[in-house]
PDB file of N, CA and C in Angstrom:
ATOM      1  N   MET A   1       0.848  -1.175  -0.007  1.00  0.00           N
ATOM      2  CA  MET A   1      -0.002   0.001   0.000  1.00  0.00           C
ATOM      3  C   MET A   1       0.896   1.242   0.002  1.00  0.00           C
ATOM      4  N   PRO A   2       0.722   2.125  -0.963  1.00  0.00           N
ATOM      5  CA  PRO A   2       1.566   3.320  -1.015  1.00  0.00           C
ATOM      6  C   PRO A   2       1.296   4.285   0.139  1.00  0.00           C
ATOM      7  N   THR A   3       2.314   5.029   0.479  1.00  0.00           N
ATOM      8  CA  THR A   3       2.248   6.073   1.479  1.00  0.00           C
ATOM      9  C   THR A   3       2.411   7.441   0.835  1.00  0.00           C
ATOM     10  N   TYR A   4       3.164   7.488  -0.262  1.00  0.00           N
ATOM     11  CA  TYR A   4       3.510   8.745  -0.925  1.00  0.00           C
ATOM     12  C   TYR A   4       3.026   8.735  -2.366  1.00  0.00           C
ATOM     13  N   LEU A   5       2.497   9.883  -2.788  1.00  0.00           N
ATOM     14  CA  LEU A   5       2.098  10.092  -4.172  1.00  0.00           C
ATOM     15  C   LEU A   5       3.066  11.116  -4.763  1.00  0.00           C
ATOM     16  N   ILE A   6       3.865  10.686  -5.720  1.00  0.00           N
ATOM     17  CA  ILE A   6       4.878  11.533  -6.342  1.00  0.00           C
ATOM     18  C   ILE A   6       4.238  12.260  -7.522  1.00  0.00           C
ATOM     19  N   ASP A   7       4.304  13.574  -7.503  1.00  0.00           N
ATOM     20  CA  ASP A   7       3.690  14.399  -8.545  1.00  0.00           C
ATOM     21  C   ASP A   7       4.420  14.196  -9.879  1.00  0.00           C
ATOM     22  N   THR A   8       3.715  14.456 -10.951  1.00  0.00           N
ATOM     23  CA  THR A   8       4.266  14.246 -12.293  1.00  0.00           C
ATOM     24  C   THR A   8       5.436  15.171 -12.605  1.00  0.00           C
ATOM     25  N   ASN A   9       5.600  16.236 -11.847  1.00  0.00           N
ATOM     26  CA  ASN A   9       6.703  17.163 -12.111  1.00  0.00           C
ATOM     27  C   ASN A   9       8.021  16.688 -11.514  1.00  0.00           C
ATOM     28  N   LEU A  10       8.037  15.509 -10.914  1.00  0.00           N
ATOM     29  CA  LEU A  10       9.249  14.953 -10.321  1.00  0.00           C
ATOM     30  C   LEU A  10       9.696  13.715 -11.093  1.00  0.00           C
ATOM     31  N   PRO A  11      10.988  13.382 -11.005  1.00  0.00           N
ATOM     32  CA  PRO A  11      11.522  12.273 -11.806  1.00  0.00           C
ATOM     33  C   PRO A  11      10.770  10.967 -11.601  1.00  0.00           C
ATOM     34  N   TYR A  12      10.540  10.297 -12.705  1.00  0.00           N
ATOM     35  CA  TYR A  12       9.854   9.006 -12.677  1.00  0.00           C
ATOM     36  C   TYR A  12      10.839   7.878 -12.352  1.00  0.00           C
ATOM     37  N   TYR A  13      11.965   7.875 -13.001  1.00  0.00           N
ATOM     38  CA  TYR A  13      12.953   6.814 -12.807  1.00  0.00           C
ATOM     39  C   TYR A  13      13.920   7.204 -11.698  1.00  0.00           C
ATOM     40  N   PHE A  14      13.509   6.979 -10.476  1.00  0.00           N
ATOM     41  CA  PHE A  14      14.295   7.343  -9.319  1.00  0.00           C
ATOM     42  C   PHE A  14      14.174   6.189  -8.327  1.00  0.00           C
ATOM     43  N   SER A  15      15.269   5.515  -8.049  1.00  0.00           N
ATOM     44  CA  SER A  15      15.221   4.268  -7.288  1.00  0.00           C
ATOM     45  C   SER A  15      14.539   4.394  -5.934  1.00  0.00           C
ATOM     46  N   ILE A  16      14.736   5.493  -5.237  1.00  0.00           N
ATOM     47  CA  ILE A  16      14.097   5.659  -3.925  1.00  0.00           C
ATOM     48  C   ILE A  16      12.575   5.587  -4.054  1.00  0.00           C
ATOM     49  N   TRP A  17      12.045   6.095  -5.157  1.00  0.00           N
ATOM     50  CA  TRP A  17      10.603   6.171  -5.337  1.00  0.00           C
ATOM     51  C   TRP A  17      10.034   5.003  -6.145  1.00  0.00           C
ATOM     52  N   ARG A  18      10.793   3.965  -6.366  1.00  0.00           N
ATOM     53  CA  ARG A  18      10.307   2.835  -7.156  1.00  0.00           C
ATOM     54  C   ARG A  18      10.048   1.616  -6.270  1.00  0.00           C
ATOM     55  N   THR A  19       9.484   1.850  -5.078  1.00  0.00           N
ATOM     56  CA  THR A  19       9.111   0.759  -4.185  1.00  0.00           C
ATOM     57  C   THR A  19       7.607   0.823  -3.965  1.00  0.00           C
ATOM     58  N   GLU A  20       7.083  -0.167  -3.250  1.00  0.00           N
ATOM     59  CA  GLU A  20       5.628  -0.211  -3.018  1.00  0.00           C
ATOM     60  C   GLU A  20       5.129   0.914  -2.129  1.00  0.00           C
ATOM     61  N   GLU A  21       6.035   1.609  -1.460  1.00  0.00           N
ATOM     62  CA  GLU A  21       5.658   2.725  -0.592  1.00  0.00           C
ATOM     63  C   GLU A  21       5.293   3.985  -1.390  1.00  0.00           C
ATOM     64  N   PHE A  22       5.678   3.998  -2.656  1.00  0.00           N
ATOM     65  CA  PHE A  22       5.504   5.178  -3.496  1.00  0.00           C
ATOM     66  C   PHE A  22       4.647   4.853  -4.710  1.00  0.00           C
ATOM     67  N   LEU A  23       3.811   5.817  -5.066  1.00  0.00           N
ATOM     68  CA  LEU A  23       3.018   5.742  -6.290  1.00  0.00           C
ATOM     69  C   LEU A  23       3.314   7.010  -7.067  1.00  0.00           C
ATOM     70  N   HIS A  24       3.795   6.861  -8.281  1.00  0.00           N
ATOM     71  CA  HIS A  24       4.049   8.032  -9.116  1.00  0.00           C
ATOM     72  C   HIS A  24       2.759   8.356  -9.852  1.00  0.00           C
ATOM     73  N   GLN A  25       2.394   9.624  -9.837  1.00  0.00           N
ATOM     74  CA  GLN A  25       1.159  10.063 -10.483  1.00  0.00           C
ATOM     75  C   GLN A  25       1.114   9.622 -11.943  1.00  0.00           C
ATOM     76  N   ARG A  26       2.243   9.550 -12.571  1.00  0.00           N
ATOM     77  CA  ARG A  26       2.317   9.100 -13.969  1.00  0.00           C
ATOM     78  C   ARG A  26       1.754   7.689 -14.134  1.00  0.00           C
ATOM     79  N   ASP A  27       1.914   6.837 -13.129  1.00  0.00           N
ATOM     80  CA  ASP A  27       1.368   5.483 -13.184  1.00  0.00           C
ATOM     81  C   ASP A  27      -0.126   5.443 -12.908  1.00  0.00           C
ATOM     82  N   ARG A  28      -0.618   6.421 -12.205  1.00  0.00           N
ATOM     83  CA  ARG A  28      -2.033   6.469 -11.851  1.00  0.00           C
ATOM     84  C   ARG A  28      -2.849   7.151 -12.932  1.00  0.00           C
ATOM     85  N   SER A  29      -2.509   8.376 -13.234  1.00  0.00           N
ATOM     86  CA  SER A  29      -3.243   9.156 -14.228  1.00  0.00           C
ATOM     87  C   SER A  29      -2.422  10.397 -14.559  1.00  0.00           C
ATOM     88  N   PRO A  30      -1.596  10.341 -15.587  1.00  0.00           N
ATOM     89  CA  PRO A  30      -0.677  11.450 -15.880  1.00  0.00           C
ATOM     90  C   PRO A  30      -1.343  12.766 -16.237  1.00  0.00           C
ATOM     91  N   THR A  31      -2.613  12.748 -16.581  1.00  0.00           N
ATOM     92  CA  THR A  31      -3.286  13.983 -16.985  1.00  0.00           C
ATOM     93  C   THR A  31      -4.307  14.474 -15.943  1.00  0.00           C
ATOM     94  N   ALA A  32      -4.269  13.909 -14.743  1.00  0.00           N
ATOM     95  CA  ALA A  32      -5.213  14.305 -13.707  1.00  0.00           C
ATOM     96  C   ALA A  32      -4.994  15.760 -13.303  1.00  0.00           C
ATOM     97  N   SER A  33      -6.056  16.423 -12.946  1.00  0.00           N
ATOM     98  CA  SER A  33      -5.974  17.807 -12.474  1.00  0.00           C
ATOM     99  C   SER A  33      -5.446  17.823 -11.041  1.00  0.00           C
ATOM    100  N   ASP A  34      -5.017  19.000 -10.594  1.00  0.00           N
ATOM    101  CA  ASP A  34      -4.551  19.138  -9.213  1.00  0.00           C
ATOM    102  C   ASP A  34      -5.632  18.726  -8.218  1.00  0.00           C
ATOM    103  N   THR A  35      -6.875  19.078  -8.505  1.00  0.00           N
ATOM    104  CA  THR A  35      -7.978  18.718  -7.610  1.00  0.00           C
ATOM    105  C   THR A  35      -8.177  17.209  -7.575  1.00  0.00           C
ATOM    106  N   GLU A  36      -8.094  16.560  -8.715  1.00  0.00           N
ATOM    107  CA  GLU A  36      -8.230  15.107  -8.754  1.00  0.00           C
ATOM    108  C   GLU A  36      -7.101  14.429  -7.982  1.00  0.00           C
ATOM    109  N   ILE A  37      -5.895  14.939  -8.131  1.00  0.00           N
ATOM    110  CA  ILE A  37      -4.744  14.402  -7.405  1.00  0.00           C
ATOM    111  C   ILE A  37      -4.950  14.600  -5.901  1.00  0.00           C
ATOM    112  N   TRP A  38      -5.339  15.805  -5.508  1.00  0.00           N
ATOM    113  CA  TRP A  38      -5.588  16.104  -4.097  1.00  0.00           C
ATOM    114  C   TRP A  38      -6.634  15.156  -3.510  1.00  0.00           C
ATOM    115  N   ASN A  39      -7.744  14.997  -4.205  1.00  0.00           N
ATOM    116  CA  ASN A  39      -8.825  14.142  -3.708  1.00  0.00           C
ATOM    117  C   ASN A  39      -8.393  12.682  -3.616  1.00  0.00           C
ATOM    118  N   TYR A  40      -7.639  12.227  -4.603  1.00  0.00           N
ATOM    119  CA  TYR A  40      -7.139  10.851  -4.563  1.00  0.00           C
ATOM    120  C   TYR A  40      -6.224  10.654  -3.353  1.00  0.00           C
ATOM    121  N   ALA A  41      -5.317  11.593  -3.140  1.00  0.00           N
ATOM    122  CA  ALA A  41      -4.398  11.500  -1.990  1.00  0.00           C
ATOM    123  C   ALA A  41      -5.175  11.559  -0.686  1.00  0.00           C
ATOM    124  N   ARG A  42      -6.157  12.428  -0.606  1.00  0.00           N
ATOM    125  CA  ARG A  42      -6.971  12.543   0.615  1.00  0.00           C
ATOM    126  C   ARG A  42      -7.726  11.235   0.872  1.00  0.00           C
ATOM    127  N   ASN A  43      -8.363  10.705  -0.143  1.00  0.00           N
ATOM    128  CA  ASN A  43      -9.167   9.492   0.019  1.00  0.00           C
ATOM    129  C   ASN A  43      -8.332   8.254   0.328  1.00  0.00           C
ATOM    130  N   ASN A  44      -7.040   8.293  -0.019  1.00  0.00           N
ATOM    131  CA  ASN A  44      -6.159   7.143   0.191  1.00  0.00           C
ATOM    132  C   ASN A  44      -5.088   7.408   1.247  1.00  0.00           C
ATOM    133  N   ASN A  45      -5.261   8.513   1.995  1.00  0.00           N
ATOM    134  CA  ASN A  45      -4.358   8.869   3.086  1.00  0.00           C
ATOM    135  C   ASN A  45      -2.887   8.878   2.638  1.00  0.00           C
ATOM    136  N   LEU A  46      -2.630   9.565   1.522  1.00  0.00           N
ATOM    137  CA  LEU A  46      -1.276   9.650   0.969  1.00  0.00           C
ATOM    138  C   LEU A  46      -0.660  11.011   1.258  1.00  0.00           C
ATOM    139  N   THR A  47       0.650  11.054   1.205  1.00  0.00           N
ATOM    140  CA  THR A  47       1.397  12.298   1.274  1.00  0.00           C
ATOM    141  C   THR A  47       1.835  12.659  -0.141  1.00  0.00           C
ATOM    142  N   ILE A  48       1.485  13.857  -0.590  1.00  0.00           N
ATOM    143  CA  ILE A  48       1.863  14.320  -1.919  1.00  0.00           C
ATOM    144  C   ILE A  48       3.272  14.896  -1.854  1.00  0.00           C
ATOM    145  N   VAL A  49       4.149  14.421  -2.730  1.00  0.00           N
ATOM    146  CA  VAL A  49       5.499  14.957  -2.857  1.00  0.00           C
ATOM    147  C   VAL A  49       5.540  15.730  -4.166  1.00  0.00           C
ATOM    148  N   THR A  50       5.869  17.026  -4.094  1.00  0.00           N
ATOM    149  CA  THR A  50       5.717  17.884  -5.262  1.00  0.00           C
ATOM    150  C   THR A  50       6.673  19.060  -5.245  1.00  0.00           C
ATOM    151  N   LYS A  51       6.803  19.707  -6.387  1.00  0.00           N
ATOM    152  CA  LYS A  51       7.482  21.004  -6.481  1.00  0.00           C
ATOM    153  C   LYS A  51       6.453  22.099  -6.748  1.00  0.00           C
ATOM    154  N   ASP A  52       5.195  21.736  -6.811  1.00  0.00           N
ATOM    155  CA  ASP A  52       4.089  22.625  -7.156  1.00  0.00           C
ATOM    156  C   ASP A  52       3.544  23.316  -5.916  1.00  0.00           C
ATOM    157  N   ARG A  53       3.619  24.628  -5.861  1.00  0.00           N
ATOM    158  CA  ARG A  53       3.172  25.359  -4.678  1.00  0.00           C
ATOM    159  C   ARG A  53       1.662  25.332  -4.485  1.00  0.00           C
ATOM    160  N   ASP A  54       0.907  24.964  -5.516  1.00  0.00           N
ATOM    161  CA  ASP A  54      -0.550  24.898  -5.376  1.00  0.00           C
ATOM    162  C   ASP A  54      -0.950  23.957  -4.235  1.00  0.00           C
ATOM    163  N   TYR A  55      -0.233  22.843  -4.089  1.00  0.00           N
ATOM    164  CA  TYR A  55      -0.563  21.883  -3.033  1.00  0.00           C
ATOM    165  C   TYR A  55      -0.212  22.421  -1.653  1.00  0.00           C
ATOM    166  N   SER A  56       0.931  23.065  -1.532  1.00  0.00           N
ATOM    167  CA  SER A  56       1.293  23.591  -0.209  1.00  0.00           C
ATOM    168  C   SER A  56       0.382  24.761   0.169  1.00  0.00           C
ATOM    169  N   ASP A  57       0.013  25.589  -0.799  1.00  0.00           N
ATOM    170  CA  ASP A  57      -0.932  26.674  -0.518  1.00  0.00           C
ATOM    171  C   ASP A  57      -2.260  26.105  -0.026  1.00  0.00           C
ATOM    172  N   ARG A  58      -2.713  25.067  -0.680  1.00  0.00           N
ATOM    173  CA  ARG A  58      -3.974  24.433  -0.297  1.00  0.00           C
ATOM    174  C   ARG A  58      -3.863  23.783   1.083  1.00  0.00           C
ATOM    175  N   MET A  59      -2.709  23.194   1.358  1.00  0.00           N
ATOM    176  CA  MET A  59      -2.509  22.509   2.638  1.00  0.00           C
ATOM    177  C   MET A  59      -2.541  23.471   3.811  1.00  0.00           C
ATOM    178  N   LEU A  60      -2.128  24.709   3.593  1.00  0.00           N
ATOM    179  CA  LEU A  60      -2.149  25.695   4.665  1.00  0.00           C
ATOM    180  C   LEU A  60      -3.563  25.937   5.193  1.00  0.00           C
ATOM    181  N   LEU A  61      -4.556  25.682   4.352  1.00  0.00           N
ATOM    182  CA  LEU A  61      -5.956  25.911   4.719  1.00  0.00           C
ATOM    183  C   LEU A  61      -6.710  24.627   5.042  1.00  0.00           C
ATOM    184  N   ALA A  62      -5.996  23.493   5.019  1.00  0.00           N
ATOM    185  CA  ALA A  62      -6.660  22.191   5.181  1.00  0.00           C
ATOM    186  C   ALA A  62      -6.077  21.423   6.357  1.00  0.00           C
ATOM    187  N   SER A  63      -6.714  20.325   6.646  1.00  0.00           N
ATOM    188  CA  SER A  63      -6.209  19.378   7.641  1.00  0.00           C
ATOM    189  C   SER A  63      -5.945  18.053   6.939  1.00  0.00           C
ATOM    190  N   PRO A  64      -4.932  17.321   7.384  1.00  0.00           N
ATOM    191  CA  PRO A  64      -4.631  16.030   6.739  1.00  0.00           C
ATOM    192  C   PRO A  64      -5.783  15.056   6.895  1.00  0.00           C
ATOM    193  N   PRO A  65      -5.913  14.087   6.037  1.00  0.00           N
ATOM    194  CA  PRO A  65      -5.075  13.905   4.858  1.00  0.00           C
ATOM    195  C   PRO A  65      -5.518  14.773   3.705  1.00  0.00           C
ATOM    196  N   PRO A  66      -4.714  14.919   2.679  1.00  0.00           N
ATOM    197  CA  PRO A  66      -3.352  14.417   2.559  1.00  0.00           C
ATOM    198  C   PRO A  66      -2.384  15.290   3.332  1.00  0.00           C
ATOM    199  N   ARG A  67      -1.166  14.851   3.383  1.00  0.00           N
ATOM    200  CA  ARG A  67      -0.046  15.677   3.832  1.00  0.00           C
ATOM    201  C   ARG A  67       0.711  16.081   2.570  1.00  0.00           C
ATOM    202  N   VAL A  68       1.557  17.098   2.689  1.00  0.00           N
ATOM    203  CA  VAL A  68       2.287  17.579   1.517  1.00  0.00           C
ATOM    204  C   VAL A  68       3.765  17.766   1.867  1.00  0.00           C
ATOM    205  N   ILE A  69       4.616  17.298   0.998  1.00  0.00           N
ATOM    206  CA  ILE A  69       6.044  17.581   1.047  1.00  0.00           C
ATOM    207  C   ILE A  69       6.334  18.438  -0.171  1.00  0.00           C
ATOM    208  N   HIS A  70       6.683  19.698   0.070  1.00  0.00           N
ATOM    209  CA  HIS A  70       6.918  20.655  -1.024  1.00  0.00           C
ATOM    210  C   HIS A  70       8.425  20.863  -1.161  1.00  0.00           C
ATOM    211  N   LEU A  71       8.957  20.418  -2.285  1.00  0.00           N
ATOM    212  CA  LEU A  71      10.382  20.570  -2.573  1.00  0.00           C
ATOM    213  C   LEU A  71      10.610  21.949  -3.176  1.00  0.00           C
ATOM    214  N   LYS A  72      11.218  22.815  -2.406  1.00  0.00           N
ATOM    215  CA  LYS A  72      11.497  24.191  -2.836  1.00  0.00           C
ATOM    216  C   LYS A  72      13.005  24.349  -3.015  1.00  0.00           C
ATOM    217  N   ILE A  73      13.539  23.520  -3.887  1.00  0.00           N
ATOM    218  CA  ILE A  73      14.987  23.440  -4.047  1.00  0.00           C
ATOM    219  C   ILE A  73      15.471  24.003  -5.375  1.00  0.00           C
ATOM    220  N   GLY A  74      14.577  24.602  -6.128  1.00  0.00           N
ATOM    221  CA  GLY A  74      14.963  25.178  -7.408  1.00  0.00           C
ATOM    222  C   GLY A  74      15.366  24.104  -8.409  1.00  0.00           C
ATOM    223  N   ASN A  75      15.989  24.528  -9.468  1.00  0.00           N
ATOM    224  CA  ASN A  75      16.437  23.591 -10.489  1.00  0.00           C
ATOM    225  C   ASN A  75      17.784  23.001 -10.089  1.00  0.00           C
ATOM    226  N   MET A  76      17.874  21.698 -10.226  1.00  0.00           N
ATOM    227  CA  MET A  76      19.114  20.980  -9.952  1.00  0.00           C
ATOM    228  C   MET A  76      19.358  20.029 -11.114  1.00  0.00           C
ATOM    229  N   LYS A  77      20.610  19.756 -11.368  1.00  0.00           N
ATOM    230  CA  LYS A  77      20.928  18.684 -12.304  1.00  0.00           C
ATOM    231  C   LYS A  77      20.428  17.388 -11.678  1.00  0.00           C
ATOM    232  N   MET A  78      20.058  16.442 -12.525  1.00  0.00           N
ATOM    233  CA  MET A  78      19.446  15.208 -12.046  1.00  0.00           C
ATOM    234  C   MET A  78      20.336  14.503 -11.007  1.00  0.00           C
ATOM    235  N   ARG A  79      21.606  14.401 -11.254  1.00  0.00           N
ATOM    236  CA  ARG A  79      22.504  13.725 -10.313  1.00  0.00           C
ATOM    237  C   ARG A  79      22.510  14.450  -8.957  1.00  0.00           C
ATOM    238  N   GLU A  80      22.524  15.778  -8.995  1.00  0.00           N
ATOM    239  CA  GLU A  80      22.496  16.572  -7.777  1.00  0.00           C
ATOM    240  C   GLU A  80      21.178  16.353  -7.028  1.00  0.00           C
ATOM    241  N   PHE A  81      20.069  16.291  -7.781  1.00  0.00           N
ATOM    242  CA  PHE A  81      18.747  16.050  -7.188  1.00  0.00           C
ATOM    243  C   PHE A  81      18.726  14.679  -6.498  1.00  0.00           C
ATOM    244  N   TYR A  82      19.178  13.648  -7.186  1.00  0.00           N
ATOM    245  CA  TYR A  82      19.183  12.298  -6.616  1.00  0.00           C
ATOM    246  C   TYR A  82      20.005  12.254  -5.328  1.00  0.00           C
ATOM    247  N   THR A  83      21.174  12.888  -5.359  1.00  0.00           N
ATOM    248  CA  THR A  83      22.029  12.915  -4.173  1.00  0.00           C
ATOM    249  C   THR A  83      21.342  13.656  -3.043  1.00  0.00           C
ATOM    250  N   PHE A  84      20.759  14.813  -3.351  1.00  0.00           N
ATOM    251  CA  PHE A  84      20.082  15.615  -2.334  1.00  0.00           C
ATOM    252  C   PHE A  84      18.946  14.840  -1.678  1.00  0.00           C
ATOM    253  N   ILE A  85      18.073  14.246  -2.488  1.00  0.00           N
ATOM    254  CA  ILE A  85      16.946  13.490  -1.937  1.00  0.00           C
ATOM    255  C   ILE A  85      17.453  12.274  -1.177  1.00  0.00           C
ATOM    256  N   GLY A  86      18.414  11.570  -1.733  1.00  0.00           N
ATOM    257  CA  GLY A  86      18.973  10.402  -1.052  1.00  0.00           C
ATOM    258  C   GLY A  86      19.551  10.740   0.311  1.00  0.00           C
ATOM    259  N   ASP A  87      20.248  11.861   0.402  1.00  0.00           N
ATOM    260  CA  ASP A  87      20.865  12.279   1.656  1.00  0.00           C
ATOM    261  C   ASP A  87      19.851  12.788   2.677  1.00  0.00           C
ATOM    262  N   ASN A  88      18.726  13.289   2.213  1.00  0.00           N
ATOM    263  CA  ASN A  88      17.769  13.955   3.108  1.00  0.00           C
ATOM    264  C   ASN A  88      16.440  13.245   3.292  1.00  0.00           C
ATOM    265  N   TRP A  89      16.176  12.186   2.533  1.00  0.00           N
ATOM    266  CA  TRP A  89      14.838  11.592   2.544  1.00  0.00           C
ATOM    267  C   TRP A  89      14.407  11.110   3.928  1.00  0.00           C
ATOM    268  N   SER A  90      15.276  10.474   4.686  1.00  0.00           N
ATOM    269  CA  SER A  90      14.832   9.968   5.985  1.00  0.00           C
ATOM    270  C   SER A  90      14.426  11.114   6.916  1.00  0.00           C
ATOM    271  N   SER A  91      15.113  12.235   6.872  1.00  0.00           N
ATOM    272  CA  SER A  91      14.727  13.394   7.691  1.00  0.00           C
ATOM    273  C   SER A  91      13.417  14.004   7.194  1.00  0.00           C
ATOM    274  N   ILE A  92      13.245  14.066   5.885  1.00  0.00           N
ATOM    275  CA  ILE A  92      12.003  14.586   5.295  1.00  0.00           C
ATOM    276  C   ILE A  92      10.833  13.705   5.698  1.00  0.00           C
ATOM    277  N   GLU A  93      11.018  12.414   5.551  1.00  0.00           N
ATOM    278  CA  GLU A  93       9.972  11.444   5.886  1.00  0.00           C
ATOM    279  C   GLU A  93       9.588  11.528   7.365  1.00  0.00           C
ATOM    280  N   LYS A  94      10.563  11.612   8.225  1.00  0.00           N
ATOM    281  CA  LYS A  94      10.302  11.706   9.667  1.00  0.00           C
ATOM    282  C   LYS A  94       9.510  12.973   9.994  1.00  0.00           C
ATOM    283  N   LEU A  95       9.894  14.096   9.425  1.00  0.00           N
ATOM    284  CA  LEU A  95       9.196  15.360   9.683  1.00  0.00           C
ATOM    285  C   LEU A  95       7.774  15.326   9.128  1.00  0.00           C
ATOM    286  N   SER A  96       7.578  14.645   8.013  1.00  0.00           N
ATOM    287  CA  SER A  96       6.240  14.591   7.408  1.00  0.00           C
ATOM    288  C   SER A  96       5.252  13.773   8.227  1.00  0.00           C
ATOM    289  N   ARG A  97       5.746  12.910   9.097  1.00  0.00           N
ATOM    290  CA  ARG A  97       4.847  12.138   9.959  1.00  0.00           C
ATOM    291  C   ARG A  97       4.200  12.987  11.045  1.00  0.00           C
ATOM    292  N   THR A  98       4.846  14.093  11.400  1.00  0.00           N
ATOM    293  CA  THR A  98       4.346  14.918  12.509  1.00  0.00           C
ATOM    294  C   THR A  98       3.862  16.299  12.071  1.00  0.00           C
ATOM    295  N   HIS A  99       3.989  16.613  10.787  1.00  0.00           N
ATOM    296  CA  HIS A  99       3.569  17.915  10.278  1.00  0.00           C
ATOM    297  C   HIS A  99       2.736  17.720   9.009  1.00  0.00           C
ATOM    298  N   LYS A 100       1.730  18.565   8.855  1.00  0.00           N
ATOM    299  CA  LYS A 100       0.859  18.440   7.685  1.00  0.00           C
ATOM    300  C   LYS A 100       1.541  18.912   6.404  1.00  0.00           C
ATOM    301  N   LEU A 101       2.527  19.784   6.553  1.00  0.00           N
ATOM    302  CA  LEU A 101       3.236  20.348   5.410  1.00  0.00           C
ATOM    303  C   LEU A 101       4.711  20.436   5.752  1.00  0.00           C
ATOM    304  N   VAL A 102       5.531  19.945   4.847  1.00  0.00           N
ATOM    305  CA  VAL A 102       6.981  20.046   5.018  1.00  0.00           C
ATOM    306  C   VAL A 102       7.546  20.785   3.827  1.00  0.00           C
ATOM    307  N   TYR A 103       8.230  21.879   4.093  1.00  0.00           N
ATOM    308  CA  TYR A 103       8.967  22.601   3.070  1.00  0.00           C
ATOM    309  C   TYR A 103      10.398  22.077   3.083  1.00  0.00           C
ATOM    310  N   VAL A 104      10.876  21.712   1.922  1.00  0.00           N
ATOM    311  CA  VAL A 104      12.247  21.217   1.784  1.00  0.00           C
ATOM    312  C   VAL A 104      13.029  22.257   0.991  1.00  0.00           C
ATOM    313  N   PHE A 105      13.991  22.869   1.650  1.00  0.00           N
ATOM    314  CA  PHE A 105      14.886  23.824   1.021  1.00  0.00           C
ATOM    315  C   PHE A 105      16.257  23.165   0.872  1.00  0.00           C
ATOM    316  N   ARG A 106      17.132  23.759   0.110  1.00  0.00           N
ATOM    317  CA  ARG A 106      18.477  23.211  -0.053  1.00  0.00           C
ATOM    318  C   ARG A 106      19.235  23.152   1.270  1.00  0.00           C
ATOM    319  N   ASP A 107      18.960  24.104   2.162  1.00  0.00           N
ATOM    320  CA  ASP A 107      19.753  24.195   3.379  1.00  0.00           C
ATOM    321  C   ASP A 107      18.973  23.905   4.661  1.00  0.00           C
ATOM    322  N   LYS A 108      17.678  23.602   4.554  1.00  0.00           N
ATOM    323  CA  LYS A 108      16.899  23.323   5.769  1.00  0.00           C
ATOM    324  C   LYS A 108      15.572  22.654   5.428  1.00  0.00           C
ATOM    325  N   LEU A 109      14.969  22.085   6.453  1.00  0.00           N
ATOM    326  CA  LEU A 109      13.610  21.539   6.376  1.00  0.00           C
ATOM    327  C   LEU A 109      12.762  22.350   7.332  1.00  0.00           C
ATOM    328  N   GLU A 110      11.515  22.588   6.941  1.00  0.00           N
ATOM    329  CA  GLU A 110      10.597  23.357   7.782  1.00  0.00           C
ATOM    330  C   GLU A 110       9.258  22.632   7.831  1.00  0.00           C
ATOM    331  N   GLY A 111       8.804  22.290   9.026  1.00  0.00           N
ATOM    332  CA  GLY A 111       7.519  21.637   9.191  1.00  0.00           C
ATOM    333  C   GLY A 111       6.465  22.627   9.643  1.00  0.00           C
ATOM    334  N   ILE A 112       5.292  22.544   9.042  1.00  0.00           N
ATOM    335  CA  ILE A 112       4.157  23.398   9.379  1.00  0.00           C
ATOM    336  C   ILE A 112       3.064  22.519   9.949  1.00  0.00           C
ATOM    337  N   ASP A 113       2.545  22.892  11.124  1.00  0.00           N
ATOM    338  CA  ASP A 113       1.456  22.132  11.759  1.00  0.00           C
ATOM    339  C   ASP A 113       0.114  22.537  11.204  1.00  0.00           C
TER     340      ASP A 113
END
């Protein structure tokens, strides 16, 4: 059963996200609207992982589920992105369990209740 829904704006072929814990939106419905994605995540108690601020803006006014992990790391080369996520994923995941919204910056993590 997946725990995380990876938005279509994030890499599809990424080993960390290719386990049963993760569902990439591309595998579910690549053309779904933001509202459809939000409702699917809410109905299935998933955490949305995205670079799209629409989800974090919406989360500020909502209560879980879903939860949102918003990657605010700008553009990175793919290798740099993989290294960054690989080095930080366990901290991101831990913070997302206790906060409805997690902002991920290059130099810090910020949890919002």
